[in-house]
Amino acid sequence: LEHLPEIWHQNLDQPLHAIARQHNRMVVVMDDTL
């Protein structure tokens, strides 16, 4: 991993929280195990 660029500078927790609720869609996780 030494040659990799630095990770993206911005913490995306809030943008992800906001956009995931913007259209009120249901995220359905089909999970093969518990």
PDB file of all heavy atoms in Angstrom:
ATOM      1  N   LEU A   1       0.796  -1.214   0.000  1.00  0.00           N
ATOM      2  CA  LEU A   1       0.000   0.000   0.000  1.00  0.00           C
ATOM      3  C   LEU A   1       0.839   1.281   0.000  1.00  0.00           C
ATOM      4  O   LEU A   1       0.284   2.373  -0.043  1.00  0.00           O
ATOM      5  CB  LEU A   1      -0.937   0.011   1.211  1.00  0.00           C
ATOM      6  CG  LEU A   1      -1.860  -1.196   1.368  1.00  0.00           C
ATOM      7  CD1 LEU A   1      -2.784  -1.022   2.560  1.00  0.00           C
ATOM      8  CD2 LEU A   1      -2.666  -1.433   0.104  1.00  0.00           C
ATOM      9  N   GLU A   2       2.134   1.145   0.063  1.00  0.00           N
ATOM     10  CA  GLU A   2       2.990   2.326   0.211  1.00  0.00           C
ATOM     11  C   GLU A   2       2.932   3.253  -0.993  1.00  0.00           C
ATOM     12  O   GLU A   2       3.100   4.459  -0.869  1.00  0.00           O
ATOM     13  CB  GLU A   2       4.432   1.883   0.468  1.00  0.00           C
ATOM     14  CG  GLU A   2       4.621   1.240   1.841  1.00  0.00           C
ATOM     15  CD  GLU A   2       6.057   0.779   2.061  1.00  0.00           C
ATOM     16  OE1 GLU A   2       6.860   0.905   1.105  1.00  0.00           O
ATOM     17  OE2 GLU A   2       6.353   0.299   3.157  1.00  0.00           O
ATOM     18  N   HIS A   3       2.671   2.709  -2.174  1.00  0.00           N
ATOM     19  CA  HIS A   3       2.682   3.522  -3.389  1.00  0.00           C
ATOM     20  C   HIS A   3       1.352   4.211  -3.651  1.00  0.00           C
ATOM     21  O   HIS A   3       1.229   4.993  -4.588  1.00  0.00           O
ATOM     22  CB  HIS A   3       3.016   2.637  -4.597  1.00  0.00           C
ATOM     23  CG  HIS A   3       1.933   1.637  -4.931  1.00  0.00           C
ATOM     24  ND1 HIS A   3       1.695   0.516  -4.167  1.00  0.00           N
ATOM     25  CD2 HIS A   3       1.004   1.614  -5.939  1.00  0.00           C
ATOM     26  CE1 HIS A   3       0.692  -0.170  -4.689  1.00  0.00           C
ATOM     27  NE2 HIS A   3       0.251   0.481  -5.769  1.00  0.00           N
ATOM     28  N   LEU A   4       0.360   3.944  -2.827  1.00  0.00           N
ATOM     29  CA  LEU A   4      -0.978   4.463  -3.091  1.00  0.00           C
ATOM     30  C   LEU A   4      -1.088   5.935  -2.713  1.00  0.00           C
ATOM     31  O   LEU A   4      -0.427   6.402  -1.790  1.00  0.00           O
ATOM     32  CB  LEU A   4      -2.014   3.660  -2.307  1.00  0.00           C
ATOM     33  CG  LEU A   4      -2.125   2.178  -2.643  1.00  0.00           C
ATOM     34  CD1 LEU A   4      -3.155   1.517  -1.734  1.00  0.00           C
ATOM     35  CD2 LEU A   4      -2.491   1.971  -4.108  1.00  0.00           C
ATOM     36  N   PRO A   5      -1.961   6.675  -3.408  1.00  0.00           N
ATOM     37  CA  PRO A   5      -2.212   8.073  -3.014  1.00  0.00           C
ATOM     38  C   PRO A   5      -2.872   8.117  -1.634  1.00  0.00           C
ATOM     39  O   PRO A   5      -3.400   7.114  -1.151  1.00  0.00           O
ATOM     40  CB  PRO A   5      -3.186   8.573  -4.096  1.00  0.00           C
ATOM     41  CG  PRO A   5      -3.118   7.575  -5.201  1.00  0.00           C
ATOM     42  CD  PRO A   5      -2.732   6.270  -4.594  1.00  0.00           C
ATOM     43  N   GLU A   6      -2.850   9.272  -1.019  1.00  0.00           N
ATOM     44  CA  GLU A   6      -3.541   9.445   0.251  1.00  0.00           C
ATOM     45  C   GLU A   6      -5.051   9.281   0.042  1.00  0.00           C
ATOM     46  O   GLU A   6      -5.573   9.567  -1.042  1.00  0.00           O
ATOM     47  CB  GLU A   6      -3.261  10.826   0.830  1.00  0.00           C
ATOM     48  CG  GLU A   6      -1.827  11.007   1.304  1.00  0.00           C
ATOM     49  CD  GLU A   6      -1.495  10.082   2.460  1.00  0.00           C
ATOM     50  OE1 GLU A   6      -2.339   9.927   3.372  1.00  0.00           O
ATOM     51  OE2 GLU A   6      -0.397   9.501   2.448  1.00  0.00           O
ATOM     52  N   ILE A   7      -5.738   8.851   1.079  1.00  0.00           N
ATOM     53  CA  ILE A   7      -7.179   8.675   0.964  1.00  0.00           C
ATOM     54  C   ILE A   7      -7.856  10.023   0.706  1.00  0.00           C
ATOM     55  O   ILE A   7      -7.289  11.085   0.969  1.00  0.00           O
ATOM     56  CB  ILE A   7      -7.778   8.014   2.220  1.00  0.00           C
ATOM     57  CG1 ILE A   7      -7.583   8.901   3.457  1.00  0.00           C
ATOM     58  CG2 ILE A   7      -7.179   6.644   2.442  1.00  0.00           C
ATOM     59  CD1 ILE A   7      -8.352   8.431   4.665  1.00  0.00           C
ATOM     60  N   TRP A   8      -9.074   9.967   0.179  1.00  0.00           N
ATOM     61  CA  TRP A   8      -9.846  11.171  -0.103  1.00  0.00           C
ATOM     62  C   TRP A   8      -9.940  12.010   1.169  1.00  0.00           C
ATOM     63  O   TRP A   8     -10.194  11.481   2.251  1.00  0.00           O
ATOM     64  CB  TRP A   8     -11.225  10.784  -0.619  1.00  0.00           C
ATOM     65  CG  TRP A   8     -12.091  11.945  -1.006  1.00  0.00           C
ATOM     66  CD1 TRP A   8     -13.240  12.355  -0.405  1.00  0.00           C
ATOM     67  CD2 TRP A   8     -11.884  12.829  -2.105  1.00  0.00           C
ATOM     68  NE1 TRP A   8     -13.760  13.445  -1.052  1.00  0.00           N
ATOM     69  CE2 TRP A   8     -12.953  13.766  -2.110  1.00  0.00           C
ATOM     70  CE3 TRP A   8     -10.904  12.934  -3.096  1.00  0.00           C
ATOM     71  CZ2 TRP A   8     -13.053  14.777  -3.052  1.00  0.00           C
ATOM     72  CZ3 TRP A   8     -11.011  13.938  -4.040  1.00  0.00           C
ATOM     73  CH2 TRP A   8     -12.073  14.850  -4.013  1.00  0.00           C
ATOM     74  N   HIS A   9      -9.766  13.316   1.017  1.00  0.00           N
ATOM     75  CA  HIS A   9      -9.577  14.192   2.169  1.00  0.00           C
ATOM     76  C   HIS A   9     -10.838  14.436   2.990  1.00  0.00           C
ATOM     77  O   HIS A   9     -10.760  14.787   4.165  1.00  0.00           O
ATOM     78  CB  HIS A   9      -9.032  15.543   1.687  1.00  0.00           C
ATOM     79  CG  HIS A   9      -9.985  16.252   0.747  1.00  0.00           C
ATOM     80  ND1 HIS A   9     -10.019  15.968  -0.607  1.00  0.00           N
ATOM     81  CD2 HIS A   9     -10.921  17.206   0.965  1.00  0.00           C
ATOM     82  CE1 HIS A   9     -10.932  16.730  -1.185  1.00  0.00           C
ATOM     83  NE2 HIS A   9     -11.501  17.481  -0.254  1.00  0.00           N
ATOM     84  N   GLN A  10     -12.006  14.262   2.408  1.00  0.00           N
ATOM     85  CA  GLN A  10     -13.255  14.650   3.076  1.00  0.00           C
ATOM     86  C   GLN A  10     -13.934  13.467   3.751  1.00  0.00           C
ATOM     87  O   GLN A  10     -14.086  12.397   3.155  1.00  0.00           O
ATOM     88  CB  GLN A  10     -14.220  15.261   2.054  1.00  0.00           C
ATOM     89  CG  GLN A  10     -15.531  15.754   2.658  1.00  0.00           C
ATOM     90  CD  GLN A  10     -16.504  16.230   1.597  1.00  0.00           C
ATOM     91  OE1 GLN A  10     -16.210  16.189   0.396  1.00  0.00           O
ATOM     92  NE2 GLN A  10     -17.677  16.690   2.017  1.00  0.00           N
ATOM     93  N   ASN A  11     -14.355  13.669   5.000  1.00  0.00           N
ATOM     94  CA  ASN A  11     -15.199  12.689   5.665  1.00  0.00           C
ATOM     95  C   ASN A  11     -16.592  12.747   5.032  1.00  0.00           C
ATOM     96  O   ASN A  11     -17.205  13.809   4.959  1.00  0.00           O
ATOM     97  CB  ASN A  11     -15.292  13.003   7.162  1.00  0.00           C
ATOM     98  CG  ASN A  11     -16.068  11.950   7.938  1.00  0.00           C
ATOM     99  OD1 ASN A  11     -17.157  11.567   7.548  1.00  0.00           O
ATOM    100  ND2 ASN A  11     -15.503  11.498   9.049  1.00  0.00           N
ATOM    101  N   LEU A  12     -17.078  11.606   4.553  1.00  0.00           N
ATOM    102  CA  LEU A  12     -18.313  11.591   3.775  1.00  0.00           C
ATOM    103  C   LEU A  12     -19.526  11.073   4.544  1.00  0.00           C
ATOM    104  O   LEU A  12     -20.580  10.833   3.950  1.00  0.00           O
ATOM    105  CB  LEU A  12     -18.102  10.725   2.514  1.00  0.00           C
ATOM    106  CG  LEU A  12     -17.012  11.219   1.564  1.00  0.00           C
ATOM    107  CD1 LEU A  12     -16.855  10.251   0.394  1.00  0.00           C
ATOM    108  CD2 LEU A  12     -17.304  12.623   1.061  1.00  0.00           C
ATOM    109  N   ASP A  13     -19.388  10.925   5.851  1.00  0.00           N
ATOM    110  CA  ASP A  13     -20.502  10.391   6.634  1.00  0.00           C
ATOM    111  C   ASP A  13     -21.772  11.223   6.451  1.00  0.00           C
ATOM    112  O   ASP A  13     -22.863  10.678   6.199  1.00  0.00           O
ATOM    113  CB  ASP A  13     -20.140  10.334   8.124  1.00  0.00           C
ATOM    114  CG  ASP A  13     -19.094   9.278   8.431  1.00  0.00           C
ATOM    115  OD1 ASP A  13     -18.815   8.452   7.537  1.00  0.00           O
ATOM    116  OD2 ASP A  13     -18.548   9.286   9.554  1.00  0.00           O
ATOM    117  N   GLN A  14     -21.662  12.551   6.585  1.00  0.00           N
ATOM    118  CA  GLN A  14     -22.846  13.400   6.479  1.00  0.00           C
ATOM    119  C   GLN A  14     -23.412  13.455   5.065  1.00  0.00           C
ATOM    120  O   GLN A  14     -24.631  13.325   4.882  1.00  0.00           O
ATOM    121  CB  GLN A  14     -22.525  14.808   6.998  1.00  0.00           C
ATOM    122  CG  GLN A  14     -22.365  14.890   8.501  1.00  0.00           C
ATOM    123  CD  GLN A  14     -23.619  14.422   9.226  1.00  0.00           C
ATOM    124  OE1 GLN A  14     -24.742  14.739   8.832  1.00  0.00           O
ATOM    125  NE2 GLN A  14     -23.431  13.659  10.301  1.00  0.00           N
ATOM    126  N   PRO A  15     -22.574  13.643   4.022  1.00  0.00           N
ATOM    127  CA  PRO A  15     -23.133  13.622   2.669  1.00  0.00           C
ATOM    128  C   PRO A  15     -23.824  12.311   2.328  1.00  0.00           C
ATOM    129  O   PRO A  15     -24.875  12.303   1.678  1.00  0.00           O
ATOM    130  CB  PRO A  15     -21.902  13.860   1.779  1.00  0.00           C
ATOM    131  CG  PRO A  15     -20.940  14.587   2.651  1.00  0.00           C
ATOM    132  CD  PRO A  15     -21.146  14.056   4.022  1.00  0.00           C
ATOM    133  N   LEU A  16     -23.255  11.181   2.774  1.00  0.00           N
ATOM    134  CA  LEU A  16     -23.887   9.890   2.497  1.00  0.00           C
ATOM    135  C   LEU A  16     -25.215   9.757   3.236  1.00  0.00           C
ATOM    136  O   LEU A  16     -26.201   9.263   2.679  1.00  0.00           O
ATOM    137  CB  LEU A  16     -22.944   8.753   2.906  1.00  0.00           C
ATOM    138  CG  LEU A  16     -21.833   8.427   1.908  1.00  0.00           C
ATOM    139  CD1 LEU A  16     -20.787   7.516   2.541  1.00  0.00           C
ATOM    140  CD2 LEU A  16     -22.410   7.778   0.655  1.00  0.00           C
ATOM    141  N   HIS A  17     -25.239  10.211   4.475  1.00  0.00           N
ATOM    142  CA  HIS A  17     -26.476  10.155   5.255  1.00  0.00           C
ATOM    143  C   HIS A  17     -27.565  10.987   4.576  1.00  0.00           C
ATOM    144  O   HIS A  17     -28.723  10.546   4.461  1.00  0.00           O
ATOM    145  CB  HIS A  17     -26.225  10.669   6.671  1.00  0.00           C
ATOM    146  CG  HIS A  17     -27.423  10.616   7.564  1.00  0.00           C
ATOM    147  ND1 HIS A  17     -27.790   9.477   8.247  1.00  0.00           N
ATOM    148  CD2 HIS A  17     -28.353  11.562   7.873  1.00  0.00           C
ATOM    149  CE1 HIS A  17     -28.888   9.725   8.941  1.00  0.00           C
ATOM    150  NE2 HIS A  17     -29.246  10.984   8.737  1.00  0.00           N
ATOM    151  N   ALA A  18     -27.198  12.162   4.097  1.00  0.00           N
ATOM    152  CA  ALA A  18     -28.168  13.071   3.485  1.00  0.00           C
ATOM    153  C   ALA A  18     -28.684  12.537   2.151  1.00  0.00           C
ATOM    154  O   ALA A  18     -29.897  12.524   1.903  1.00  0.00           O
ATOM    155  CB  ALA A  18     -27.549  14.455   3.299  1.00  0.00           C
ATOM    156  N   ILE A  19     -27.776  12.083   1.298  1.00  0.00           N
ATOM    157  CA  ILE A  19     -28.202  11.663  -0.039  1.00  0.00           C
ATOM    158  C   ILE A  19     -28.962  10.350   0.007  1.00  0.00           C
ATOM    159  O   ILE A  19     -29.855  10.107  -0.809  1.00  0.00           O
ATOM    160  CB  ILE A  19     -26.995  11.569  -0.996  1.00  0.00           C
ATOM    161  CG1 ILE A  19     -27.471  11.621  -2.462  1.00  0.00           C
ATOM    162  CG2 ILE A  19     -26.155  10.314  -0.735  1.00  0.00           C
ATOM    163  CD1 ILE A  19     -26.347  11.801  -3.459  1.00  0.00           C
ATOM    164  N   ALA A  20     -28.643   9.484   0.991  1.00  0.00           N
ATOM    165  CA  ALA A  20     -29.342   8.213   1.102  1.00  0.00           C
ATOM    166  C   ALA A  20     -30.809   8.418   1.482  1.00  0.00           C
ATOM    167  O   ALA A  20     -31.653   7.554   1.228  1.00  0.00           O
ATOM    168  CB  ALA A  20     -28.655   7.319   2.128  1.00  0.00           C
ATOM    169  N   ARG A  21     -31.123   9.562   2.086  1.00  0.00           N
ATOM    170  CA  ARG A  21     -32.482   9.847   2.517  1.00  0.00           C
ATOM    171  C   ARG A  21     -33.192  10.852   1.626  1.00  0.00           C
ATOM    172  O   ARG A  21     -34.378  11.122   1.802  1.00  0.00           O
ATOM    173  CB  ARG A  21     -32.459  10.354   3.971  1.00  0.00           C
ATOM    174  CG  ARG A  21     -32.252   9.217   4.950  1.00  0.00           C
ATOM    175  CD  ARG A  21     -31.496   9.617   6.184  1.00  0.00           C
ATOM    176  NE  ARG A  21     -31.311   8.457   7.042  1.00  0.00           N
ATOM    177  CZ  ARG A  21     -30.422   7.486   6.811  1.00  0.00           C
ATOM    178  NH1 ARG A  21     -29.649   7.535   5.750  1.00  0.00           N
ATOM    179  NH2 ARG A  21     -30.300   6.453   7.643  1.00  0.00           N
ATOM    180  N   GLN A  22     -32.466  11.390   0.662  1.00  0.00           N
ATOM    181  CA  GLN A  22     -33.013  12.463  -0.163  1.00  0.00           C
ATOM    182  C   GLN A  22     -34.253  12.025  -0.936  1.00  0.00           C
ATOM    183  O   GLN A  22     -35.237  12.753  -1.013  1.00  0.00           O
ATOM    184  CB  GLN A  22     -31.935  12.960  -1.135  1.00  0.00           C
ATOM    185  CG  GLN A  22     -32.376  14.100  -2.020  1.00  0.00           C
ATOM    186  CD  GLN A  22     -31.222  14.618  -2.882  1.00  0.00           C
ATOM    187  OE1 GLN A  22     -30.048  14.429  -2.550  1.00  0.00           O
ATOM    188  NE2 GLN A  22     -31.564  15.254  -3.974  1.00  0.00           N
ATOM    189  N   HIS A  23     -34.202  10.817  -1.500  1.00  0.00           N
ATOM    190  CA  HIS A  23     -35.329  10.350  -2.316  1.00  0.00           C
ATOM    191  C   HIS A  23     -36.195   9.333  -1.578  1.00  0.00           C
ATOM    192  O   HIS A  23     -37.116   8.766  -2.162  1.00  0.00           O
ATOM    193  CB  HIS A  23     -34.814   9.735  -3.619  1.00  0.00           C
ATOM    194  CG  HIS A  23     -34.014  10.698  -4.445  1.00  0.00           C
ATOM    195  ND1 HIS A  23     -34.569  11.819  -5.004  1.00  0.00           N
ATOM    196  CD2 HIS A  23     -32.700  10.714  -4.780  1.00  0.00           C
ATOM    197  CE1 HIS A  23     -33.635  12.497  -5.668  1.00  0.00           C
ATOM    198  NE2 HIS A  23     -32.502  11.847  -5.539  1.00  0.00           N
ATOM    199  N   ASN A  24     -35.849   9.071  -0.323  1.00  0.00           N
ATOM    200  CA  ASN A  24     -36.637   8.165   0.518  1.00  0.00           C
ATOM    201  C   ASN A  24     -36.749   6.764  -0.073  1.00  0.00           C
ATOM    202  O   ASN A  24     -37.753   6.061   0.129  1.00  0.00           O
ATOM    203  CB  ASN A  24     -38.042   8.730   0.770  1.00  0.00           C
ATOM    204  CG  ASN A  24     -38.718   8.062   1.962  1.00  0.00           C
ATOM    205  OD1 ASN A  24     -38.063   7.705   2.943  1.00  0.00           O
ATOM    206  ND2 ASN A  24     -40.023   7.897   1.880  1.00  0.00           N
ATOM    207  N   ARG A  25     -35.752   6.348  -0.835  1.00  0.00           N
ATOM    208  CA  ARG A  25     -35.761   4.984  -1.346  1.00  0.00           C
ATOM    209  C   ARG A  25     -35.361   4.010  -0.230  1.00  0.00           C
ATOM    210  O   ARG A  25     -34.642   4.366   0.693  1.00  0.00           O
ATOM    211  CB  ARG A  25     -34.783   4.831  -2.508  1.00  0.00           C
ATOM    212  CG  ARG A  25     -35.141   5.634  -3.742  1.00  0.00           C
ATOM    213  CD  ARG A  25     -34.115   5.422  -4.817  1.00  0.00           C
ATOM    214  NE  ARG A  25     -32.760   5.690  -4.328  1.00  0.00           N
ATOM    215  CZ  ARG A  25     -31.652   5.495  -5.037  1.00  0.00           C
ATOM    216  NH1 ARG A  25     -31.744   5.011  -6.262  1.00  0.00           N
ATOM    217  NH2 ARG A  25     -30.474   5.771  -4.532  1.00  0.00           N
ATOM    218  N   MET A  26     -35.810   2.783  -0.342  1.00  0.00           N
ATOM    219  CA  MET A  26     -35.426   1.743   0.602  1.00  0.00           C
ATOM    220  C   MET A  26     -34.218   1.001   0.041  1.00  0.00           C
ATOM    221  O   MET A  26     -34.242   0.519  -1.091  1.00  0.00           O
ATOM    222  CB  MET A  26     -36.573   0.762   0.829  1.00  0.00           C
ATOM    223  CG  MET A  26     -36.236  -0.402   1.738  1.00  0.00           C
ATOM    224  SD  MET A  26     -35.886   0.080   3.443  1.00  0.00           S
ATOM    225  CE  MET A  26     -37.543   0.500   3.999  1.00  0.00           C
ATOM    226  N   VAL A  27     -33.145   0.946   0.827  1.00  0.00           N
ATOM    227  CA  VAL A  27     -31.990   0.137   0.454  1.00  0.00           C
ATOM    228  C   VAL A  27     -32.245  -1.276   0.972  1.00  0.00           C
ATOM    229  O   VAL A  27     -32.382  -1.492   2.177  1.00  0.00           O
ATOM    230  CB  VAL A  27     -30.686   0.689   1.051  1.00  0.00           C
ATOM    231  CG1 VAL A  27     -29.510  -0.203   0.654  1.00  0.00           C
ATOM    232  CG2 VAL A  27     -30.455   2.118   0.583  1.00  0.00           C
ATOM    233  N   VAL A  28     -32.339  -2.228   0.062  1.00  0.00           N
ATOM    234  CA  VAL A  28     -32.634  -3.615   0.410  1.00  0.00           C
ATOM    235  C   VAL A  28     -31.360  -4.433   0.276  1.00  0.00           C
ATOM    236  O   VAL A  28     -30.822  -4.583  -0.821  1.00  0.00           O
ATOM    237  CB  VAL A  28     -33.729  -4.196  -0.505  1.00  0.00           C
ATOM    238  CG1 VAL A  28     -33.946  -5.672  -0.192  1.00  0.00           C
ATOM    239  CG2 VAL A  28     -35.016  -3.417  -0.354  1.00  0.00           C
ATOM    240  N   VAL A  29     -30.864  -4.935   1.399  1.00  0.00           N
ATOM    241  CA  VAL A  29     -29.660  -5.759   1.399  1.00  0.00           C
ATOM    242  C   VAL A  29     -30.087  -7.223   1.392  1.00  0.00           C
ATOM    243  O   VAL A  29     -30.660  -7.716   2.369  1.00  0.00           O
ATOM    244  CB  VAL A  29     -28.775  -5.471   2.627  1.00  0.00           C
ATOM    245  CG1 VAL A  29     -27.502  -6.312   2.580  1.00  0.00           C
ATOM    246  CG2 VAL A  29     -28.426  -3.984   2.703  1.00  0.00           C
ATOM    247  N   MET A  30     -29.863  -7.897   0.273  1.00  0.00           N
ATOM    248  CA  MET A  30     -30.120  -9.330   0.199  1.00  0.00           C
ATOM    249  C   MET A  30     -28.878 -10.040   0.728  1.00  0.00           C
ATOM    250  O   MET A  30     -27.837 -10.058   0.077  1.00  0.00           O
ATOM    251  CB  MET A  30     -30.417  -9.757  -1.239  1.00  0.00           C
ATOM    252  CG  MET A  30     -31.742  -9.285  -1.781  1.00  0.00           C
ATOM    253  SD  MET A  30     -32.049  -9.991  -3.427  1.00  0.00           S
ATOM    254  CE  MET A  30     -33.712  -9.406  -3.760  1.00  0.00           C
ATOM    255  N   ASP A  31     -29.006 -10.630   1.897  1.00  0.00           N
ATOM    256  CA  ASP A  31     -27.838 -11.157   2.600  1.00  0.00           C
ATOM    257  C   ASP A  31     -27.871 -12.674   2.621  1.00  0.00           C
ATOM    258  O   ASP A  31     -28.855 -13.284   3.044  1.00  0.00           O
ATOM    259  CB  ASP A  31     -27.829 -10.614   4.029  1.00  0.00           C
ATOM    260  CG  ASP A  31     -26.487 -10.780   4.706  1.00  0.00           C
ATOM    261  OD1 ASP A  31     -25.594 -11.417   4.115  1.00  0.00           O
ATOM    262  OD2 ASP A  31     -26.324 -10.274   5.817  1.00  0.00           O
ATOM    263  N   ASP A  32     -26.767 -13.284   2.188  1.00  0.00           N
ATOM    264  CA  ASP A  32     -26.706 -14.738   2.113  1.00  0.00           C
ATOM    265  C   ASP A  32     -26.526 -15.378   3.485  1.00  0.00           C
ATOM    266  O   ASP A  32     -26.813 -16.548   3.669  1.00  0.00           O
ATOM    267  CB  ASP A  32     -25.573 -15.168   1.178  1.00  0.00           C
ATOM    268  CG  ASP A  32     -25.697 -16.612   0.767  1.00  0.00           C
ATOM    269  OD1 ASP A  32     -26.827 -17.130   0.758  1.00  0.00           O
ATOM    270  OD2 ASP A  32     -24.675 -17.245   0.467  1.00  0.00           O
ATOM    271  N   THR A  33     -25.976 -14.638   4.453  1.00  0.00           N
ATOM    272  CA  THR A  33     -25.800 -15.182   5.800  1.00  0.00           C
ATOM    273  C   THR A  33     -26.235 -14.139   6.825  1.00  0.00           C
ATOM    274  O   THR A  33     -26.397 -12.965   6.508  1.00  0.00           O
ATOM    275  CB  THR A  33     -24.340 -15.562   6.095  1.00  0.00           C
ATOM    276  OG1 THR A  33     -23.541 -14.376   6.155  1.00  0.00           O
ATOM    277  CG2 THR A  33     -23.772 -16.479   5.019  1.00  0.00           C
ATOM    278  N   LEU A  34     -26.365 -14.567   8.057  1.00  0.00           N
ATOM    279  CA  LEU A  34     -26.834 -13.664   9.096  1.00  0.00           C
ATOM    280  C   LEU A  34     -25.793 -12.622   9.483  1.00  0.00           C
ATOM    281  O   LEU A  34     -26.127 -11.577  10.020  1.00  0.00           O
ATOM    282  CB  LEU A  34     -27.243 -14.448  10.353  1.00  0.00           C
ATOM    283  CG  LEU A  34     -28.457 -15.362  10.230  1.00  0.00           C
ATOM    284  CD1 LEU A  34     -28.072 -16.696   9.607  1.00  0.00           C
ATOM    285  CD2 LEU A  34     -29.073 -15.610  11.595  1.00  0.00           C
TER     286      LEU A  34
END
